[in-house]
Protein backbone atom coordinates (compact mmCIF):
# COMPACT_ATOMS: atom_id res chain seq x y z
CA MET A 1 81.59 175.17 108.84
CA ASN A 2 83.27 172.89 106.13
CA LYS A 3 86.72 173.13 107.98
CA GLN A 4 84.82 172.48 111.42
CA PHE A 5 83.00 169.47 109.55
CA GLU A 6 86.90 168.08 108.27
CA LYS A 7 88.17 168.64 111.90
CA PHE A 8 85.14 166.43 113.54
CA ILE A 9 85.35 164.19 110.84
CA PHE A 10 89.31 163.58 111.11
CA SER A 11 89.14 163.72 114.64
CA GLY A 12 87.14 160.20 114.49
CA ARG A 13 90.96 158.70 113.87
CA LEU A 14 90.87 159.13 117.86
CA LEU A 15 88.54 155.94 117.96
CA LEU A 16 91.74 153.82 117.39
CA LEU A 17 93.63 154.80 120.59
CA PRO A 18 91.71 152.21 122.82
CA MET A 19 92.48 149.42 120.24
CA TYR A 20 96.32 150.58 120.62
CA LEU A 21 95.56 150.25 124.33
CA GLY A 22 94.19 146.89 123.46
CA LEU A 23 97.42 145.47 121.67
CA ILE A 24 99.72 146.95 124.90
CA VAL A 25 97.78 144.45 126.77
CA THR A 26 98.28 141.68 124.03
CA LEU A 27 101.83 142.44 124.56
CA LEU A 28 101.92 142.02 127.60
CA VAL A 29 100.34 138.74 127.74
CA TYR A 30 102.97 137.71 125.11
CA THR A 31 105.69 138.82 127.65
CA VAL A 32 104.27 136.80 130.09
CA ARG A 33 103.87 133.75 127.93
CA PHE A 34 107.29 134.23 126.97
CA SER A 35 108.41 134.12 130.36
CA VAL A 36 106.85 131.38 131.66
CA GLU A 37 107.94 129.30 128.25
CA THR A 38 111.54 130.41 128.66
CA PHE A 39 111.24 129.24 132.17
CA GLU A 40 109.89 125.85 131.06
CA LEU A 41 112.37 125.13 128.74
CA VAL A 42 115.37 125.86 131.08
CA TRP A 43 113.62 123.57 133.76
CA HIS A 44 113.02 120.83 131.83
CA SER A 45 116.06 121.44 129.36
CA PHE A 46 118.01 118.32 130.65
CA ALA A 47 115.11 116.28 130.12
CA MET A 48 114.28 117.29 126.81
CA SER A 49 115.11 115.85 123.52
CA GLU A 50 117.25 118.07 120.92
CA THR A 51 114.00 118.20 118.60
CA ASP A 52 111.74 118.75 121.79
CA MET A 53 114.32 122.05 122.44
CA LEU A 54 114.53 123.08 119.06
CA ILE A 55 110.53 123.39 119.16
CA ALA A 56 110.53 125.27 122.36
CA VAL A 57 112.73 127.50 121.01
CA LEU A 58 110.73 127.84 117.58
CA GLN A 59 107.81 128.51 120.06
CA LEU A 60 109.67 131.33 121.90
CA LEU A 61 110.89 132.49 118.07
CA ASP A 62 107.44 132.50 117.22
CA ILE A 63 106.11 134.85 120.44
CA ILE A 64 108.74 137.41 119.74
CA MET A 65 108.17 137.83 115.83
CA ILE A 66 103.85 138.23 116.73
CA SER A 67 105.60 140.72 119.35
CA HIS A 68 107.17 142.63 116.62
CA LEU A 69 104.05 142.72 114.07
CA ILE A 70 102.19 143.82 117.27
CA VAL A 71 104.66 146.78 118.01
CA MET A 72 104.86 147.38 114.31
CA VAL A 73 100.89 148.12 114.12
CA MET A 74 100.89 149.81 117.45
CA ILE A 75 103.91 152.55 116.59
CA GLY A 76 103.31 152.63 112.70
CA GLY A 77 99.82 152.86 113.01
CA TYR A 78 99.79 155.61 115.38
CA VAL A 79 102.36 157.40 113.80
CA LEU A 80 100.67 157.31 110.72
CA PHE A 81 96.74 157.51 111.47
CA ILE A 82 96.59 159.58 115.06
CA SER A 83 100.08 161.75 115.40
CA GLY A 84 101.23 162.97 112.06
CA SER A 85 98.08 165.36 111.28
CA ASP A 86 97.86 169.14 109.86
CA TYR A 87 95.27 169.22 112.53
CA ASP A 88 97.98 168.26 115.26
CA ASP A 89 100.45 171.02 114.06
CA ASP A 90 98.59 173.85 115.69
CA GLN A 91 98.90 171.90 119.06
CA ALA A 92 102.51 170.38 118.37
CA ALA A 93 104.01 173.76 118.28
CA GLU A 94 102.39 175.11 121.97
CA THR A 95 103.10 171.56 123.89
CA PRO A 96 106.55 169.96 123.18
CA SER A 97 106.35 166.17 122.71
CA GLU A 98 107.16 164.03 125.63
CA LEU A 99 107.42 161.07 123.44
CA PRO A 100 111.09 159.55 122.32
CA LYS A 101 111.83 160.35 118.81
CA LEU A 102 112.91 157.62 117.07
CA LYS A 103 114.81 158.03 113.45
CA TRP A 104 112.41 155.84 111.51
CA LEU A 105 109.12 157.26 112.53
CA GLY A 106 109.48 160.14 110.45
CA HIS A 107 110.28 157.40 107.60
CA ILE A 108 106.83 155.94 107.68
CA ASP A 109 104.97 155.64 104.96
CA PRO A 110 102.02 153.21 104.83
CA GLY A 111 103.57 151.07 101.53
CA ALA A 112 107.01 150.54 104.24
CA LEU A 113 104.69 149.73 107.08
CA LYS A 114 102.36 147.24 104.74
CA VAL A 115 106.11 145.77 103.79
CA LYS A 116 107.13 145.14 107.19
CA MET A 117 103.93 143.43 108.56
CA SER A 118 103.97 141.36 105.42
CA MET A 119 107.61 140.34 106.52
CA SER A 120 106.69 139.60 109.67
CA ILE A 121 103.44 137.67 108.86
CA LEU A 122 106.29 135.79 106.69
CA GLY A 123 108.56 135.05 109.27
CA VAL A 124 106.13 133.43 111.94
CA SER A 125 104.18 130.93 109.01
CA THR A 126 108.32 130.26 108.33
CA ILE A 127 108.50 129.27 111.91
CA HIS A 128 105.10 127.48 111.77
CA LEU A 129 106.06 125.50 108.66
CA LEU A 130 109.67 124.62 110.39
CA GLY A 131 107.78 123.81 113.46
CA ALA A 132 105.46 121.35 111.54
CA PHE A 133 108.11 119.73 109.34
CA ILE A 134 110.52 119.13 112.57
CA ASN A 135 107.49 117.15 113.68
CA ALA A 136 106.61 115.98 110.64
CA LYS A 137 105.95 112.18 111.81
CA GLY A 138 103.09 113.19 113.92
CA GLU A 139 101.52 115.34 110.88
CA SER A 140 99.65 114.33 107.59
CA ILE A 141 100.94 114.87 104.03
CA GLU A 142 97.60 117.00 103.70
CA TYR A 143 98.42 118.95 106.67
CA LEU A 144 101.99 119.89 105.32
CA MET A 145 100.97 120.40 102.13
CA LYS A 146 97.93 123.04 103.12
CA LEU A 147 100.86 124.98 105.27
CA VAL A 148 103.35 125.19 102.45
CA VAL A 149 100.80 126.35 100.40
CA VAL A 150 99.50 128.99 102.79
CA HIS A 151 103.17 129.82 103.51
CA MET A 152 104.07 130.40 99.59
CA VAL A 153 100.53 132.25 99.63
CA PHE A 154 102.34 135.00 102.04
CA VAL A 155 105.25 134.45 100.39
CA PHE A 156 103.82 135.94 96.63
CA SER A 157 101.30 138.30 98.98
CA THR A 158 104.61 139.95 100.47
CA LEU A 159 106.30 140.15 97.22
CA ALA A 160 103.62 141.57 95.60
CA ILE A 161 102.71 144.05 98.11
CA ALA A 162 106.42 145.30 98.16
CA TRP A 163 106.20 145.46 94.08
CA VAL A 164 103.26 147.62 94.29
CA SER A 165 104.71 149.90 97.13
CA ARG A 166 107.83 150.42 95.22
CA PHE A 167 106.26 152.00 92.47
CA ALA A 168 103.02 153.47 94.35
CA PHE A 169 105.08 155.07 96.96
CA LYS A 170 108.18 156.08 95.20
CA HIS A 171 106.92 157.96 92.65
C-alpha cells in the first residue's frame, strides 16, 4: 500500500509535461521572432546607422540567449524531474528509448542546472545592459543605475549559486 502511494505521489511529476510542451511553443514563437528580426536587419541594413545595426544584433543575441535558457529548462527539467527515476527503470528495460542520448544529459545535477541557468540569465542581463548603454543618450541616469544594480544582483546571485553548488553537490 505504501509503495503504491509513493508511486502515485511520484507520478504527479508528469503534470510538468504540459508546461514543457508550452516551453516548446514559446521556443517556436522566439524562432519566428528571430526570423522576422533577421529579415528586417538584412532588409534595412544599408539604411541603418552602425549603432542601430549593433542594437539589432544585440536583440538577435538576446533572443538566442533566452532560447538557450528555455532549452536548458526544458531538457534539464525533463531529465531531472521526469525521465530519470527508480520507478521508470522497470519500463526502460522493456522498451528502449528513442530519444537521442546526449553526453551531458547523464551528468546534470540540480546544482549544475541552476548555475547554467544563472549564467544564461546573466548573459541576457548583460545584453540588455549593453543595449541600454549604447542608447544612453535616450535614457535617464536613474534608469541606467537601476539596470546596473539589477545586473549586479544577478552577478552576485550567480556567484553565490555557483559557490553553494560547488560545495553542496560535490560532497
